[in-house]
Structures are given as C-alpha cells and as structure tokens.
N, C-alpha and C. Protein backbone atom coordinates (compact mmCIF):
# COMPACT_ATOMS: atom_id res chain seq x y z
N MET A 1 -16.18 0.20 11.69
CA MET A 1 -15.70 1.26 11.75
C MET A 1 -14.29 0.88 13.05
N THR A 2 -13.06 1.38 12.38
CA THR A 2 -12.25 1.53 13.49
C THR A 2 -12.18 2.65 14.45
N ALA A 3 -12.02 2.16 15.90
CA ALA A 3 -12.30 3.53 16.74
C ALA A 3 -11.20 4.48 16.75
N GLY A 4 -11.64 5.33 17.01
CA GLY A 4 -10.58 6.59 16.76
C GLY A 4 -10.04 7.07 15.40
N VAL A 5 -10.60 6.78 14.42
CA VAL A 5 -10.27 7.02 13.19
C VAL A 5 -10.86 8.24 12.50
N ASP A 6 -10.53 9.10 12.43
CA ASP A 6 -11.04 10.55 11.81
C ASP A 6 -10.70 10.41 9.98
N LEU A 7 -11.53 9.79 9.64
CA LEU A 7 -11.62 9.80 8.06
C LEU A 7 -11.45 10.75 7.15
N GLY A 8 -11.56 11.74 7.63
CA GLY A 8 -11.72 13.24 7.10
C GLY A 8 -10.07 13.69 7.17
N ARG A 9 -8.80 13.02 7.71
CA ARG A 9 -8.01 13.39 7.81
C ARG A 9 -6.86 12.00 7.52
N PRO A 10 -5.69 12.07 6.87
CA PRO A 10 -4.71 11.11 6.60
C PRO A 10 -4.47 10.44 8.07
N GLN A 11 -4.23 9.22 8.04
CA GLN A 11 -4.10 8.02 9.02
C GLN A 11 -2.83 7.22 9.28
N ALA A 12 -2.02 7.60 9.70
CA ALA A 12 -0.58 6.88 9.75
C ALA A 12 -0.64 5.83 10.65
N GLN A 13 -0.07 4.75 10.01
CA GLN A 13 0.30 3.51 11.01
C GLN A 13 1.68 3.02 10.58
N ALA A 14 2.16 2.73 11.69
CA ALA A 14 3.75 2.51 11.69
C ALA A 14 3.62 0.93 11.45
N ILE A 15 4.60 0.45 10.48
CA ILE A 15 4.64 -1.07 9.84
C ILE A 15 6.12 -1.70 10.77
N ARG A 16 5.97 -2.33 11.89
CA ARG A 16 7.21 -2.85 12.65
C ARG A 16 7.12 -4.05 13.01
N SER A 17 5.97 -4.68 12.94
CA SER A 17 5.46 -6.38 12.93
C SER A 17 4.45 -6.73 11.91
N ASP A 18 4.04 -8.19 12.12
CA ASP A 18 3.32 -8.92 11.69
C ASP A 18 1.70 -7.96 12.15
N GLU A 19 1.90 -7.53 13.17
CA GLU A 19 0.54 -7.24 13.81
C GLU A 19 0.17 -5.95 13.17
N ASP A 20 1.14 -5.05 12.89
CA ASP A 20 1.08 -4.00 12.31
C ASP A 20 0.75 -3.90 10.71
N VAL A 21 1.11 -5.29 10.03
CA VAL A 21 0.79 -5.07 8.78
C VAL A 21 -0.86 -5.39 8.61
N VAL A 22 -1.46 -6.40 9.65
CA VAL A 22 -2.78 -6.49 10.10
C VAL A 22 -3.72 -5.45 10.21
N ARG A 23 -2.87 -4.29 11.34
CA ARG A 23 -3.73 -2.83 11.34
C ARG A 23 -3.92 -2.13 9.96
N VAL A 24 -2.74 -2.40 9.16
CA VAL A 24 -2.92 -1.43 7.97
C VAL A 24 -4.07 -2.02 7.17
N ARG A 25 -4.04 -3.41 6.88
CA ARG A 25 -5.15 -3.92 6.50
C ARG A 25 -6.42 -3.31 6.90
N GLN A 26 -6.72 -3.37 8.37
CA GLN A 26 -7.92 -3.11 8.84
C GLN A 26 -8.14 -1.40 8.46
N LEU A 27 -6.99 -0.65 8.55
CA LEU A 27 -7.38 0.91 8.34
C LEU A 27 -7.68 1.10 6.71
N VAL A 28 -6.94 0.51 6.16
CA VAL A 28 -7.41 0.34 4.59
C VAL A 28 -8.74 0.22 4.16
N ARG A 29 -9.29 -1.08 5.16
CA ARG A 29 -10.55 -1.84 5.05
C ARG A 29 -11.54 -0.41 5.41
N THR A 30 -11.43 0.22 6.30
CA THR A 30 -11.99 1.14 6.91
C THR A 30 -12.43 2.31 6.00
N PHE A 31 -11.22 2.99 5.43
CA PHE A 31 -11.20 4.02 4.23
C PHE A 31 -12.04 3.70 3.23
N ALA A 32 -11.80 2.58 2.82
CA ALA A 32 -12.40 1.91 1.53
C ALA A 32 -13.92 2.43 1.47
N VAL A 33 -14.27 1.55 2.69
CA VAL A 33 -15.79 1.58 3.07
C VAL A 33 -16.34 3.00 2.95
N SER A 34 -15.52 3.82 3.61
CA SER A 34 -15.80 5.23 3.59
C SER A 34 -15.83 6.15 2.68
N ALA A 35 -15.05 5.72 1.50
CA ALA A 35 -15.08 6.11 0.29
C ALA A 35 -15.97 5.55 -0.84
N ARG A 36 -16.40 4.59 -0.38
CA ARG A 36 -17.91 4.04 -0.93
C ARG A 36 -17.19 3.25 -2.40
N LEU A 37 -16.20 2.32 -1.86
CA LEU A 37 -15.52 1.59 -2.95
C LEU A 37 -16.22 0.29 -3.07
N SER A 38 -16.61 -0.32 -4.16
CA SER A 38 -17.36 -1.35 -4.05
C SER A 38 -16.91 -2.63 -3.55
N LEU A 39 -17.20 -3.59 -3.18
CA LEU A 39 -16.87 -4.92 -2.56
C LEU A 39 -15.40 -5.38 -3.48
N VAL A 40 -15.74 -5.49 -4.53
CA VAL A 40 -14.64 -5.80 -5.39
C VAL A 40 -13.04 -5.14 -5.00
N ASP A 41 -13.55 -3.75 -5.43
CA ASP A 41 -12.55 -3.00 -5.31
C ASP A 41 -11.95 -2.84 -3.76
N GLN A 42 -13.02 -2.48 -2.87
CA GLN A 42 -12.00 -2.75 -1.51
C GLN A 42 -11.25 -4.21 -1.28
N THR A 43 -11.47 -5.26 -1.85
CA THR A 43 -10.80 -6.07 -1.63
C THR A 43 -9.46 -6.12 -2.34
N LYS A 44 -9.48 -5.60 -3.68
CA LYS A 44 -8.41 -5.20 -4.26
C LYS A 44 -7.33 -4.47 -3.42
N LEU A 45 -8.12 -3.39 -3.06
CA LEU A 45 -6.97 -2.49 -2.40
C LEU A 45 -6.73 -2.98 -0.87
N VAL A 46 -7.21 -3.83 -0.24
CA VAL A 46 -6.82 -4.24 0.87
C VAL A 46 -5.68 -5.46 0.44
N THR A 47 -5.89 -6.22 -1.04
CA THR A 47 -4.99 -7.19 -0.87
C THR A 47 -3.49 -6.35 -1.55
N ALA A 48 -3.78 -5.23 -1.95
CA ALA A 48 -2.49 -4.59 -2.19
C ALA A 48 -1.84 -4.06 -1.11
N ALA A 49 -2.71 -3.57 -0.20
CA ALA A 49 -1.95 -2.80 0.94
C ALA A 49 -1.24 -4.07 1.85
N SER A 50 -1.92 -5.23 1.92
CA SER A 50 -1.24 -5.98 2.69
C SER A 50 0.04 -6.51 2.15
N GLU A 51 0.20 -6.69 0.74
CA GLU A 51 1.48 -7.15 -0.01
C GLU A 51 2.31 -5.92 0.23
N LEU A 52 1.95 -4.49 0.19
CA LEU A 52 2.97 -3.63 -0.09
C LEU A 52 3.53 -3.53 1.55
N ALA A 53 2.51 -3.75 2.67
CA ALA A 53 2.66 -3.72 3.66
C ALA A 53 3.84 -4.22 4.53
N ARG A 54 3.58 -5.85 3.69
CA ARG A 54 4.59 -6.87 4.15
C ARG A 54 5.89 -6.77 3.43
N ASN A 55 6.23 -6.10 2.47
CA ASN A 55 7.30 -5.69 1.62
C ASN A 55 7.90 -4.55 2.67
N THR A 56 7.06 -3.48 3.13
CA THR A 56 7.89 -2.62 3.87
C THR A 56 8.47 -2.84 5.14
N LEU A 57 7.59 -3.97 5.62
CA LEU A 57 8.32 -4.96 6.86
C LEU A 57 9.30 -5.70 6.53
N VAL A 58 9.22 -6.58 5.47
CA VAL A 58 10.23 -7.48 5.21
C VAL A 58 11.57 -6.98 4.28
N TYR A 59 11.08 -6.05 3.53
CA TYR A 59 12.37 -5.68 2.63
C TYR A 59 12.56 -4.14 3.08
N GLY A 60 12.14 -3.69 3.70
CA GLY A 60 12.55 -2.31 3.96
C GLY A 60 13.34 -2.14 5.61
N GLY A 61 12.52 -3.16 6.32
CA GLY A 61 13.02 -3.28 7.34
C GLY A 61 12.20 -2.42 8.60
N GLY A 62 10.81 -2.17 8.26
CA GLY A 62 10.05 -1.35 8.52
C GLY A 62 9.91 -0.13 8.16
N GLY A 63 8.70 0.95 8.39
CA GLY A 63 8.34 1.61 8.12
C GLY A 63 6.85 2.20 8.62
N SER A 64 6.26 2.82 7.50
CA SER A 64 5.06 3.19 7.74
C SER A 64 4.09 3.33 6.63
N ALA A 65 2.72 3.60 6.84
CA ALA A 65 1.55 3.81 5.70
C ALA A 65 0.71 4.61 6.26
N GLU A 66 0.59 5.54 5.22
CA GLU A 66 -0.54 6.75 5.53
C GLU A 66 -1.58 6.63 4.61
N VAL A 67 -2.72 6.92 5.20
CA VAL A 67 -3.69 6.39 4.31
C VAL A 67 -4.84 7.46 4.44
N THR A 68 -5.40 7.88 3.25
CA THR A 68 -6.18 9.04 3.20
C THR A 68 -7.21 8.93 1.90
N VAL A 69 -8.53 9.51 2.24
CA VAL A 69 -9.58 9.25 1.48
C VAL A 69 -9.49 10.73 0.63
N VAL A 70 -9.35 10.51 -0.74
CA VAL A 70 -8.91 11.56 -1.97
C VAL A 70 -10.32 11.59 -2.67
N GLU A 71 -10.28 12.89 -3.53
CA GLU A 71 -11.31 13.28 -4.08
C GLU A 71 -10.96 13.88 -5.31
N ASP A 72 -11.54 13.68 -6.51
CA ASP A 72 -11.38 14.78 -7.67
C ASP A 72 -12.60 15.54 -8.15
N GLU A 73 -12.47 15.85 -9.45
CA GLU A 73 -13.98 16.23 -9.66
C GLU A 73 -15.13 15.37 -9.89
N ARG A 74 -14.65 13.89 -10.43
CA ARG A 74 -15.95 13.08 -10.61
C ARG A 74 -15.84 11.80 -9.71
N ARG A 75 -14.96 11.30 -8.74
CA ARG A 75 -15.05 10.61 -7.79
C ARG A 75 -14.23 10.50 -6.64
N ARG A 76 -14.51 9.55 -5.68
CA ARG A 76 -13.76 9.39 -4.61
C ARG A 76 -12.43 8.16 -4.44
N GLY A 77 -11.73 8.26 -3.62
CA GLY A 77 -10.83 7.20 -3.75
C GLY A 77 -9.86 6.99 -2.63
N VAL A 78 -9.36 5.99 -2.49
CA VAL A 78 -8.33 5.99 -1.10
C VAL A 78 -6.68 6.21 -1.63
N ARG A 79 -5.75 6.60 -0.91
CA ARG A 79 -4.45 6.62 -1.40
C ARG A 79 -3.84 6.57 -0.08
N ILE A 80 -2.61 5.54 -0.42
CA ILE A 80 -1.93 4.91 0.83
C ILE A 80 -0.45 5.01 0.02
N VAL A 81 0.21 5.86 1.04
CA VAL A 81 1.76 6.13 0.80
C VAL A 81 2.50 5.10 1.88
N PHE A 82 3.31 3.87 1.09
CA PHE A 82 4.09 3.34 1.96
C PHE A 82 5.50 4.10 2.20
N ALA A 83 6.24 3.79 2.68
CA ALA A 83 7.30 4.31 3.09
C ALA A 83 8.55 3.82 3.86
N ASP A 84 9.48 3.36 3.48
CA ASP A 84 10.61 2.81 4.81
C ASP A 84 12.16 3.45 4.18
N SER A 85 13.03 3.41 5.08
CA SER A 85 14.29 3.89 5.04
C SER A 85 15.18 2.73 4.62
N GLY A 86 14.72 1.82 4.34
CA GLY A 86 15.56 0.58 3.83
C GLY A 86 16.45 0.88 2.93
N PRO A 87 16.90 -0.43 2.31
CA PRO A 87 18.28 -0.67 1.18
C PRO A 87 17.71 0.03 0.06
N GLY A 88 16.69 0.28 -0.05
CA GLY A 88 16.05 0.55 -1.90
C GLY A 88 16.26 -0.64 -2.65
N ILE A 89 15.28 -0.57 -3.83
CA ILE A 89 15.35 -1.26 -4.66
C ILE A 89 16.51 -0.83 -5.70
N PRO A 90 17.40 -1.62 -6.04
CA PRO A 90 18.39 -1.21 -7.03
C PRO A 90 18.05 -1.49 -8.29
N ASP A 91 17.00 -2.42 -9.04
CA ASP A 91 16.38 -2.32 -10.24
C ASP A 91 14.65 -2.36 -10.11
N ILE A 92 14.38 -1.21 -10.16
CA ILE A 92 12.83 -1.34 -10.34
C ILE A 92 12.01 -1.82 -11.39
N ASP A 93 12.85 -2.09 -12.49
CA ASP A 93 11.88 -2.57 -13.84
C ASP A 93 11.73 -4.12 -13.42
N LEU A 94 13.07 -4.70 -13.18
CA LEU A 94 13.08 -6.29 -12.52
C LEU A 94 12.54 -6.19 -11.72
N ALA A 95 12.22 -5.74 -10.79
CA ALA A 95 11.49 -5.55 -9.35
C ALA A 95 9.97 -6.02 -9.63
N LEU A 96 9.69 -5.34 -10.76
CA LEU A 96 8.18 -5.25 -11.06
C LEU A 96 7.90 -6.21 -12.05
N THR A 97 8.92 -6.89 -12.23
CA THR A 97 8.64 -8.25 -13.66
C THR A 97 7.94 -9.52 -12.61
N ASP A 98 6.87 -9.87 -13.12
CA ASP A 98 5.99 -10.82 -12.75
C ASP A 98 7.08 -12.04 -12.82
N GLY A 99 6.93 -12.83 -11.47
CA GLY A 99 7.87 -13.80 -11.27
C GLY A 99 9.20 -13.64 -10.51
N TYR A 100 9.38 -12.05 -10.31
CA TYR A 100 10.99 -11.97 -9.56
C TYR A 100 10.65 -11.72 -8.42
N THR A 101 11.57 -12.36 -7.63
CA THR A 101 11.40 -12.43 -6.17
C THR A 101 12.84 -12.41 -5.43
N THR A 102 13.13 -11.67 -4.42
CA THR A 102 14.31 -12.08 -3.72
C THR A 102 14.03 -12.39 -2.49
N GLY A 103 12.88 -13.08 -2.29
CA GLY A 103 12.26 -14.08 -0.78
C GLY A 103 11.89 -15.30 -0.95
N GLY A 104 12.07 -15.90 -2.17
CA GLY A 104 11.57 -17.23 -2.29
C GLY A 104 10.10 -17.34 -2.23
N GLY A 105 9.29 -16.02 -2.58
CA GLY A 105 7.96 -16.08 -2.45
C GLY A 105 7.34 -16.35 -4.16
N LEU A 106 6.43 -15.92 -4.45
CA LEU A 106 5.93 -16.10 -5.56
C LEU A 106 6.31 -15.15 -6.78
N GLY A 107 6.87 -13.96 -6.24
CA GLY A 107 7.12 -12.96 -7.11
C GLY A 107 6.18 -12.24 -7.55
N LEU A 108 4.90 -11.99 -6.70
CA LEU A 108 3.61 -11.82 -7.59
C LEU A 108 3.66 -9.93 -6.55
N GLY A 109 4.53 -9.62 -5.53
CA GLY A 109 4.20 -8.65 -4.61
C GLY A 109 4.07 -7.41 -5.32
N LEU A 110 5.17 -6.61 -5.90
CA LEU A 110 5.02 -5.19 -6.42
C LEU A 110 4.22 -5.25 -7.71
N SER A 111 4.66 -6.38 -8.83
CA SER A 111 3.55 -6.32 -10.16
C SER A 111 2.21 -6.51 -9.59
N GLY A 112 2.11 -7.63 -8.53
CA GLY A 112 0.68 -7.76 -8.17
C GLY A 112 -0.39 -6.61 -7.65
N ALA A 113 0.54 -5.96 -6.74
CA ALA A 113 -0.20 -4.67 -5.93
C ALA A 113 -0.46 -3.73 -7.41
N ARG A 114 0.49 -3.68 -8.16
CA ARG A 114 0.60 -2.33 -9.21
C ARG A 114 -1.07 -2.81 -10.21
N ARG A 115 -1.21 -4.14 -10.22
CA ARG A 115 -2.41 -4.61 -11.34
C ARG A 115 -3.66 -4.34 -10.41
N LEU A 116 -3.51 -4.10 -9.24
CA LEU A 116 -4.77 -4.22 -8.12
C LEU A 116 -5.40 -2.85 -7.97
N VAL A 117 -4.55 -1.83 -8.34
CA VAL A 117 -4.83 -0.50 -8.00
C VAL A 117 -4.97 0.16 -9.27
N ASP A 118 -5.55 1.44 -9.08
CA ASP A 118 -5.47 2.41 -10.38
C ASP A 118 -4.19 3.20 -10.60
N ASP A 119 -3.71 3.80 -9.89
CA ASP A 119 -2.59 4.67 -9.64
C ASP A 119 -1.18 4.02 -8.97
N PHE A 120 -0.25 3.69 -9.26
CA PHE A 120 0.64 3.37 -8.62
C PHE A 120 1.97 4.13 -9.35
N ASP A 121 2.63 4.67 -8.15
CA ASP A 121 4.20 5.35 -7.98
C ASP A 121 5.16 4.77 -7.03
N ILE A 122 6.09 4.73 -7.74
CA ILE A 122 7.53 4.25 -6.87
C ILE A 122 8.54 5.10 -6.86
N TRP A 123 8.94 5.43 -5.94
CA TRP A 123 10.01 6.30 -5.78
C TRP A 123 11.56 5.25 -4.97
N THR A 124 12.49 5.05 -5.26
CA THR A 124 13.50 4.33 -4.67
C THR A 124 15.07 5.05 -4.53
N THR A 125 15.74 5.03 -3.77
CA THR A 125 16.82 5.11 -3.96
C THR A 125 17.97 4.05 -3.10
N VAL A 126 19.14 3.98 -3.82
CA VAL A 126 19.52 2.87 -2.81
C VAL A 126 20.20 3.37 -1.70
N GLY A 127 20.21 2.65 -0.59
CA GLY A 127 20.59 3.23 0.61
C GLY A 127 19.93 4.18 1.17
N GLU A 128 19.05 4.44 0.66
CA GLU A 128 17.83 5.50 1.45
C GLU A 128 16.62 5.10 1.28
N GLY A 129 15.66 3.97 0.96
CA GLY A 129 14.48 3.74 1.05
C GLY A 129 13.93 3.94 0.21
N THR A 130 12.50 3.54 0.21
CA THR A 130 11.64 3.26 -1.06
C THR A 130 10.22 3.87 -0.40
N ARG A 131 9.83 4.46 -1.31
CA ARG A 131 8.11 5.07 -1.04
C ARG A 131 7.02 4.76 -2.30
N ILE A 132 6.29 3.82 -2.20
CA ILE A 132 5.19 3.58 -2.83
C ILE A 132 4.06 4.06 -2.56
N THR A 133 3.33 4.95 -3.60
CA THR A 133 1.82 5.72 -3.41
C THR A 133 1.17 4.80 -4.58
N VAL A 134 0.09 4.24 -3.72
CA VAL A 134 -0.83 3.44 -4.83
C VAL A 134 -2.40 4.15 -4.26
N THR A 135 -3.62 4.30 -5.35
CA THR A 135 -4.59 5.02 -5.19
C THR A 135 -5.66 3.94 -5.98
N LYS A 136 -6.67 4.01 -5.33
CA LYS A 136 -7.66 2.98 -6.01
C LYS A 136 -9.09 4.10 -6.11
N TRP A 137 -9.75 4.47 -7.16
CA TRP A 137 -10.85 4.99 -6.88
C TRP A 137 -12.23 4.34 -7.32
N SER A 138 -12.97 5.27 -6.90
CA SER A 138 -14.90 4.71 -7.20
C SER A 138 -14.82 4.40 -8.60
N ARG A 139 -15.61 3.59 -9.01
CA ARG A 139 -16.07 3.60 -10.43
C ARG A 139 -17.51 4.07 -10.53
C-alpha cells in the first residue's frame, strides 16, 4: 500500500515529470488491488494509465490524474481522469487510429489504452486541453 492513500476518496497526482508518471502507475496499482481487480486487469489498467500519463506529460505539457474506486450495482472498479491544459487534439479519430503517432513512437498510446480498459471517454478542444476518463471494472 502507498503511504497516506485514502482509498475511499479520489486521489490526485500532478503529472509534471517522468517521476510523476511512475507515481501515477503506483497509485493506480494500489487502487486496482483495493478494488480487487484480477492481476491481469491490474496490469491492463496500469499499462493504460502509464500510456495516458506519459501522453499528458509529453503532448499536454503536464497535467494531472485523479484515481477513484467506483462501484455500481454489480461490481467495483477504478476510474482515472487525466486532464491537461495543452494544445488539445485536432483530430480525435485520427489520434485513435492504430499506428498514428506525432511523436515517432509506435502509435499505440491512445488506441492501445482504449483497448485495455472497459470504458474510455475523451474530451478535447484545440487550444484548451484534453480530458480522458477511463474505467476498468472487476469481472
């Protein structure tokens, strides 16, 4: 368990450095264990969170991640909201296409993250920033 983490409340983590990306991964892992996600689902969620945190840093110029344990009538899960005030994404459909990249990488960041989670929502406005909400539910 991460010291000082109250798993009953949303926890925010600033994303301003590579070290913060690691902190997001650790926080997400702690919440995923608390929500009793399987090891496979923990790994999927942490991988998606790592990709999205890195995008927040590299393309959004930094921002934040807020991690919450959520419940509905049947299950528990973990919701993460990534937000930045960066340049926004001019073409979401293109950005979510496998193989598309503006940074010379493999182009699997957004599309790969979307495949790894159960719920994926993106809001972006050019010149205002991007907000991505992902949720992984227990099985």
